[in-house]
Protein backbone atom coordinates (compact mmCIF):
# COMPACT_ATOMS: atom_id res chain seq x y z
CA MET A 1 -3.65 43.89 -56.05
CA ALA A 2 -6.94 44.26 -54.02
CA TRP A 3 -7.14 45.97 -50.89
CA GLY A 4 -6.84 43.54 -48.01
CA SER A 5 -5.74 40.59 -50.21
CA GLN A 6 -2.64 38.73 -49.45
CA GLN A 7 -0.32 37.47 -52.10
CA GLU A 8 0.34 33.88 -51.73
CA PRO A 9 3.97 32.93 -51.37
CA GLN A 10 5.51 31.22 -54.42
CA SER A 11 7.27 28.01 -53.93
CA PRO A 12 10.65 27.92 -55.37
CA SER A 13 11.17 26.13 -58.65
CA GLN A 14 12.58 22.53 -58.76
CA GLU A 15 15.54 23.80 -60.72
CA LEU A 16 16.47 25.98 -57.75
CA LEU A 17 15.97 23.26 -55.26
CA ASP A 18 18.36 20.92 -57.18
CA LYS A 19 20.86 23.39 -57.49
CA PRO A 20 23.65 22.77 -54.99
CA VAL A 21 24.56 25.36 -52.19
CA VAL A 22 27.58 27.35 -53.22
CA ARG A 23 30.31 26.76 -50.69
CA GLU A 24 32.03 29.99 -49.52
CA LYS A 25 35.07 30.76 -47.33
CA LEU A 26 34.14 31.23 -43.83
CA PRO A 27 35.39 34.47 -42.13
CA ALA A 28 38.77 34.05 -40.31
CA LYS A 29 37.48 34.17 -36.89
CA LEU A 30 34.73 31.62 -37.33
CA GLN A 31 37.22 29.27 -39.16
CA GLN A 32 39.46 29.63 -36.23
CA LEU A 33 36.87 28.52 -33.85
CA VAL A 34 36.02 25.53 -36.27
CA ASP A 35 39.65 24.47 -36.31
CA ARG A 36 40.08 24.46 -32.64
CA ASP A 37 36.67 23.15 -31.70
CA GLU A 38 38.23 20.32 -29.45
CA ASP A 39 40.00 22.88 -27.50
CA PHE A 40 37.08 25.43 -27.20
CA TYR A 41 35.48 23.73 -24.12
CA GLY A 42 38.91 23.51 -22.62
CA ASP A 43 38.97 27.21 -22.26
CA LEU A 44 35.59 27.38 -20.59
CA TYR A 45 36.28 24.32 -18.24
CA SER A 46 39.92 23.39 -17.40
CA GLN A 47 40.76 19.80 -17.58
CA TYR A 48 43.32 20.20 -15.00
CA SER A 49 41.18 21.78 -12.35
CA VAL A 50 41.27 20.83 -8.66
CA ASN A 51 39.81 17.47 -7.89
CA SER A 52 36.29 17.83 -6.74
CA THR A 53 36.72 15.07 -3.90
CA ASP A 54 39.19 17.70 -2.39
CA THR A 55 36.55 20.47 -2.22
CA PRO A 56 33.23 21.05 -0.21
CA TYR A 57 31.28 19.90 -3.16
CA ARG A 58 32.19 16.17 -2.18
CA TYR A 59 29.53 16.37 0.44
CA ALA A 60 26.78 17.15 -2.24
CA ALA A 61 26.88 13.45 -3.06
CA TYR A 62 25.52 12.63 0.29
CA ALA A 63 22.34 14.67 -0.06
CA ASN A 64 20.49 11.62 -1.14
CA ARG A 65 21.57 9.87 2.26
CA ILE A 66 19.87 12.81 4.13
CA ARG A 67 16.61 11.76 2.31
CA THR A 68 17.13 8.31 3.41
CA ILE A 69 17.54 9.09 6.88
CA LEU A 70 14.52 11.53 6.87
CA VAL A 71 12.39 8.68 5.25
CA SER A 72 13.47 6.09 7.89
CA ALA A 73 13.48 8.36 10.99
CA HIS A 74 10.11 9.97 10.07
CA ARG A 75 8.38 7.50 12.69
CA TYR A 76 10.16 9.15 15.48
CA VAL A 77 8.52 12.61 14.68
CA ALA A 78 5.53 11.21 16.42
CA TYR A 79 7.64 11.02 19.50
CA THR A 80 8.47 14.56 19.82
CA SER A 81 5.95 14.94 22.41
CA ASP A 82 7.79 12.31 24.46
CA ILE A 83 11.01 14.39 24.07
CA GLY A 84 9.18 17.21 25.39
CA GLU A 85 7.88 15.15 28.21
CA SER A 86 11.35 14.10 29.07
CA PHE A 87 12.42 17.94 29.49
CA ARG A 88 9.32 18.56 31.52
CA PRO A 89 11.29 19.00 34.71
CA ILE A 90 13.37 21.99 33.41
CA ALA A 91 11.49 23.14 30.22
CA HIS A 92 9.01 25.72 29.97
CA PRO A 93 5.35 24.52 29.64
CA TRP A 94 5.01 26.04 26.30
CA LEU A 95 7.73 24.08 24.98
CA VAL A 96 6.24 20.74 26.14
CA ARG A 97 2.92 21.81 24.37
CA SER A 98 4.77 22.55 21.34
CA ALA A 99 6.18 19.25 21.29
CA TYR A 100 2.61 17.75 21.60
CA GLY A 101 1.47 20.13 18.66
CA ILE A 102 4.10 18.53 16.51
CA SER A 103 3.17 15.21 17.56
CA TRP A 104 -0.53 15.67 16.71
CA THR A 105 0.38 17.46 13.31
CA TYR A 106 2.27 14.23 12.22
CA LEU A 107 -0.69 11.93 13.65
CA LEU A 108 -3.17 13.95 11.57
CA GLY A 109 -1.03 13.92 8.46
CA ASP A 110 -0.36 10.19 8.72
CA VAL A 111 -4.12 9.52 9.06
CA GLY A 112 -4.70 11.62 6.15
CA HIS A 113 -2.10 10.13 3.87
CA GLU A 114 -3.10 6.56 4.69
CA GLY A 115 -6.88 7.49 3.95
CA TYR A 116 -6.01 9.05 0.63
CA LYS A 117 -3.97 5.85 -0.19
CA ALA A 118 -7.08 3.62 0.53
CA TYR A 119 -9.25 6.11 -1.34
CA LEU A 120 -7.11 5.60 -4.46
CA ARG A 121 -7.53 1.94 -4.04
CA ASN A 122 -11.08 2.04 -3.73
CA ARG A 123 -11.63 4.31 -6.66
CA ARG A 124 -9.35 2.09 -8.73
CA ALA A 125 -11.54 -1.03 -7.73
CA LEU A 126 -14.68 0.56 -8.49
CA THR A 127 -13.68 2.52 -11.60
CA PRO A 128 -10.92 0.40 -13.21
CA ALA A 129 -8.95 1.97 -16.16
CA GLY A 130 -10.60 1.31 -19.44
CA GLU A 131 -13.03 2.38 -21.91
CA ALA A 132 -16.11 0.34 -20.92
CA TYR A 133 -18.17 3.51 -20.11
CA LYS A 134 -18.09 4.43 -23.91
CA ASP A 135 -20.29 1.44 -24.51
CA ALA A 136 -22.97 2.58 -22.02
CA SER A 137 -26.59 2.99 -23.41
CA GLU A 138 -29.06 5.64 -22.08
CA ILE A 139 -31.49 4.70 -19.55
CA SER A 140 -35.17 4.55 -20.88
CA GLN A 141 -37.78 7.05 -19.84
CA ASP A 142 -39.79 4.22 -17.95
CA GLN A 143 -36.85 3.08 -16.00
CA ILE A 144 -36.29 6.83 -15.05
CA ILE A 145 -39.91 6.99 -13.89
CA LYS A 146 -39.94 3.91 -11.92
CA GLY A 147 -36.57 4.68 -10.39
CA MET A 148 -37.79 8.12 -9.15
CA ALA A 149 -40.89 6.57 -7.58
CA THR A 150 -39.10 3.61 -5.87
CA GLY A 151 -35.72 5.20 -5.39
CA ASN A 152 -34.15 2.19 -7.38
CA MET A 153 -32.83 3.19 -10.71
CA THR A 154 -32.02 -0.62 -11.59
CA ILE A 155 -35.69 -1.65 -11.39
CA GLY A 156 -36.80 -3.38 -14.81
CA ASN A 157 -33.34 -4.87 -15.21
CA GLN A 158 -33.34 -7.28 -12.39
CA ASN A 159 -34.36 -10.26 -14.47
CA SER A 160 -32.41 -9.48 -17.48
CA GLU A 161 -28.82 -8.99 -17.93
CA SER A 162 -27.94 -5.70 -19.44
CA LYS A 163 -25.11 -5.21 -21.85
CA ASP A 164 -23.96 -2.15 -19.82
CA ALA A 165 -23.33 -4.27 -16.59
CA PRO A 166 -19.62 -4.11 -15.91
CA SER A 167 -19.16 -7.91 -15.44
CA ASN A 168 -15.44 -7.69 -16.00
CA TRP A 169 -14.95 -5.02 -13.24
CA PRO A 170 -13.04 -6.36 -10.20
CA THR A 171 -15.87 -5.34 -7.57
CA LEU A 172 -18.94 -3.30 -7.35
CA GLU A 173 -18.82 -2.81 -3.85
CA ILE A 174 -16.01 -2.11 -1.34
CA PRO A 175 -15.81 -4.02 1.84
CA LEU A 176 -15.98 -2.25 4.99
CA ALA A 177 -12.57 -3.38 6.24
CA GLU A 178 -11.13 -1.83 2.82
CA ASP A 179 -13.14 1.47 2.79
CA TYR A 180 -11.06 4.48 3.09
CA ARG A 181 -13.00 5.95 6.04
CA MET A 182 -12.49 2.67 8.07
CA VAL A 183 -8.93 2.69 7.16
CA MET A 184 -8.49 6.18 8.49
CA ALA A 185 -10.51 5.39 11.73
CA LYS A 186 -8.14 2.23 12.46
CA ARG A 187 -4.98 4.32 11.73
CA ALA A 188 -6.23 6.96 14.02
CA VAL A 189 -6.75 4.44 16.67
CA PHE A 190 -3.39 2.86 16.11
CA GLN A 191 -1.62 6.29 16.30
CA SER A 192 -3.36 7.49 19.27
CA ILE A 193 -2.39 4.42 21.36
CA ALA A 194 0.95 3.50 19.69
CA SER A 195 2.15 7.11 19.24
CA MET A 196 0.57 9.11 22.09
CA GLY A 197 -0.93 7.15 24.65
CA LEU A 198 1.43 4.40 25.86
CA PRO A 199 4.70 6.22 24.93
CA ALA A 200 3.48 9.41 26.95
CA PHE A 201 2.56 7.04 29.84
CA THR A 202 5.95 5.27 29.58
CA ILE A 203 8.08 8.45 29.27
CA HIS A 204 6.21 10.05 32.26
CA SER A 205 6.67 7.08 34.40
CA VAL A 206 10.26 6.73 33.69
CA VAL A 207 10.79 10.55 34.49
CA ARG A 208 8.73 10.43 37.43
CA TYR A 209 10.16 7.46 39.11
CA SER A 210 13.68 7.94 38.33
CA GLY A 211 13.35 11.56 39.57
CA ARG A 212 12.24 9.99 42.89
CA MET A 213 15.12 7.63 42.88
CA VAL A 214 17.76 10.40 42.76
CA LYS A 215 15.92 13.22 44.73
CA ASN A 216 18.45 12.57 47.69
CA ALA A 217 21.46 12.97 45.52
CA LYS A 218 23.82 15.71 46.69
CA VAL A 219 24.86 16.77 43.02
CA THR A 220 22.25 19.00 41.43
CA PHE A 221 23.45 17.64 38.05
CA ILE A 222 22.57 14.22 38.66
CA ARG A 223 19.17 15.14 40.28
CA THR A 224 18.25 17.41 37.30
CA TRP A 225 19.70 15.37 34.31
CA THR A 226 19.20 11.86 35.17
CA PRO A 227 15.44 11.61 34.71
CA ILE A 228 15.89 13.54 31.45
CA GLY A 229 18.61 11.37 30.30
CA LEU A 230 16.77 8.19 31.06
CA GLY A 231 13.45 9.29 29.56
CA LEU A 232 15.46 10.31 26.09
CA ALA A 233 17.09 6.93 26.17
CA VAL A 234 13.87 5.16 26.01
CA VAL A 235 12.65 6.86 23.07
CA PRO A 236 14.61 5.02 20.27
CA PHE A 237 13.07 1.88 21.57
CA LEU A 238 9.33 2.85 21.64
CA PRO A 239 8.48 1.95 17.91
CA TYR A 240 10.01 -1.64 18.67
CA ILE A 241 8.08 -2.01 21.87
CA PHE A 242 4.69 -0.65 20.96
CA ASP A 243 4.12 -0.76 17.14
CA HIS A 244 3.72 -4.43 16.42
CA PRO A 245 1.57 -5.44 19.38
CA VAL A 246 -0.68 -2.40 19.01
CA ASP A 247 -0.94 -2.98 15.28
CA GLU A 248 -1.72 -6.57 15.85
CA ALA A 249 -4.30 -5.79 18.58
CA VAL A 250 -6.21 -2.90 16.52
CA GLU A 251 -6.22 -5.03 13.36
CA TRP A 252 -7.89 -7.90 15.39
CA ALA A 253 -10.29 -5.81 17.13
CA PHE A 254 -11.56 -4.10 13.84
CA ARG A 255 -11.71 -7.45 11.88
CA THR A 256 -13.57 -9.12 14.60
CA GLY A 257 -15.93 -6.36 14.99
CA LEU A 258 -16.43 -5.93 11.26
CA ARG A 259 -16.96 -9.54 10.93
CA ALA A 260 -19.69 -9.86 13.49
CA TYR A 261 -21.39 -6.82 12.01
CA GLY A 262 -21.27 -7.66 8.33
CA GLY A 263 -19.88 -11.18 8.04
CA GLU A 264 -17.16 -12.47 5.84
CA ALA A 265 -18.01 -10.07 3.10
CA ALA A 266 -17.00 -7.13 5.16
CA VAL A 267 -13.50 -8.30 5.61
CA ARG A 268 -12.58 -9.70 2.47
CA PRO A 269 -9.80 -8.25 0.56
CA LEU A 270 -10.04 -6.17 -2.55
CA PRO A 271 -9.60 -7.96 -5.91
CA GLY A 272 -5.94 -8.29 -6.73
CA ARG A 273 -4.93 -7.76 -3.16
CA SER A 274 -4.50 -11.20 -1.10
CA LEU A 275 -4.57 -11.63 2.59
CA PRO A 276 -1.40 -12.26 4.72
CA PRO A 277 -1.07 -16.01 5.31
CA ARG A 278 -2.12 -15.77 8.88
CA GLU A 279 -5.20 -13.78 8.13
CA GLU A 280 -6.00 -16.19 5.14
CA GLU A 281 -5.71 -19.15 7.45
CA GLU A 282 -7.92 -17.46 9.82
CA SER A 283 -10.66 -16.52 7.40
CA ARG A 284 -10.62 -20.22 5.93
CA ALA A 285 -11.08 -21.43 9.56
CA VAL A 286 -14.02 -19.08 10.21
CA ALA A 287 -15.65 -19.93 6.92
CA ALA A 288 -15.50 -23.54 7.77
CA ALA A 289 -16.99 -23.03 11.24
CA ASN A 290 -19.76 -21.49 9.83
CA ILE A 291 -21.00 -24.38 7.86
CA SER A 292 -24.70 -25.42 8.90
CA TRP A 293 -25.67 -28.81 10.28
CA ASP A 294 -27.37 -29.81 7.08
CA GLU A 295 -24.20 -28.96 5.05
CA TYR A 296 -22.11 -30.71 7.37
CA LYS A 297 -24.34 -33.97 7.22
CA ALA A 298 -24.41 -33.71 3.33
CA GLU A 299 -20.55 -33.52 3.20
CA ARG A 300 -20.27 -36.53 5.54
CA GLU A 301 -22.76 -38.52 3.36
CA ARG A 302 -20.89 -37.59 0.34
CA SER A 303 -17.60 -38.63 1.95
CA ARG A 304 -19.04 -41.92 3.04
CA GLU A 305 -20.50 -42.67 -0.34
CA LEU A 306 -17.34 -42.03 -1.90
CA ARG A 307 -15.61 -44.26 0.40
CA ARG A 308 -18.08 -47.10 -0.38
CA GLN A 309 -17.23 -46.71 -4.07
CA THR A 310 -13.58 -46.86 -3.40
CA GLU A 311 -13.86 -50.07 -1.45
CA LYS A 312 -16.15 -51.66 -3.91
CA SER A 313 -13.70 -50.92 -6.78
CA SER A 314 -10.98 -52.24 -4.61
CA SER A 315 -12.74 -55.50 -3.80
CA GLY A 316 -13.61 -55.89 -7.57
CA ILE A 317 -9.99 -55.47 -8.63
CA ALA A 318 -8.91 -57.86 -5.89
CA SER A 319 -11.55 -60.50 -7.03
CA LEU A 320 -10.56 -60.20 -10.58
CA THR A 321 -6.84 -60.64 -9.59
CA SER A 322 -7.47 -63.82 -7.45
CA TRP A 323 -9.74 -65.31 -10.27
CA PHE A 324 -7.01 -65.04 -12.91
CA GLY A 325 -4.34 -66.44 -10.47
CA ARG A 326 -6.74 -69.53 -9.74
CA SER A 327 -7.29 -69.95 -13.53
CA GLU A 328 -3.47 -70.08 -14.10
CA THR A 329 -2.84 -72.50 -11.33
CA ASP A 330 -5.74 -74.69 -12.61
CA SER A 331 -4.16 -74.51 -16.11
CA GLU A 332 -0.83 -75.65 -14.85
CA LYS A 333 -2.12 -78.52 -13.08
CA LYS A 334 -3.81 -79.81 -16.09
CA LYS A 335 -0.54 -79.53 -18.09
CA GLU A 336 1.31 -81.61 -15.30
């Protein structure tokens, strides 16, 4: 055998492979385990142990409910500043500032989260899943030179369709209303008004004016805790009071401004995402209102011509019917 060479392992012969395995008797202890395999796990885990519903582990089943509560109540995190505002008469100023810090942290996180979701929607609309990019061809040298000179890399292909054009893609441009930056701006305005501005004004007013009402009370407990209790009692109702009206107002303001700036193309929905019925009806009404006078006259002329043709066809059918009826009566008179 040469130095450094490795001897190739020899495969067993076919006769050795076909030979059945010799069965031998197991050791006594191993055979004992095999004989009582059904009772083996009974030694490890007693089948007559204490019922789990009678132990503290029963509360582990409610761990998922904690998640449900947190998900449904996370909106109230934005009102931490309002809780701090309620305790302003007796709390240290740093406690109120910390509450405002928690609220602003939630607001920034919510704006970033909504912006990230909108960014994913934009990217999915611009670059849908597929392998169309594998069929793309290289740009010619003339197109590169002309594009560098003019700043338009599509020059030279404007009059001819390229096979690389993604004609089956949903869209090549994101509307302003669906752009992730515009979504973040709209969410920031909504949170600033519905979560910070109006609730803070409401709680501050409740605490202030209720404090004036009970300032002459003889009991110190009433003078101190009545404004705090009333302020805290308003907090659960804040989402129901402000969220929907502010959302509608912000949505209307943004859509109106974007429509005035970029037209209907700026507020159209992304492909595969339909508008709510109210917004769909509103967009149709705006589109109908934007018809020019010439288009309106042409539409009226078409409807008038269609009405004339309908009247002619109906009169022709009526004349034929009357003619056939007259011929039948004449034939009957002749027979008589």
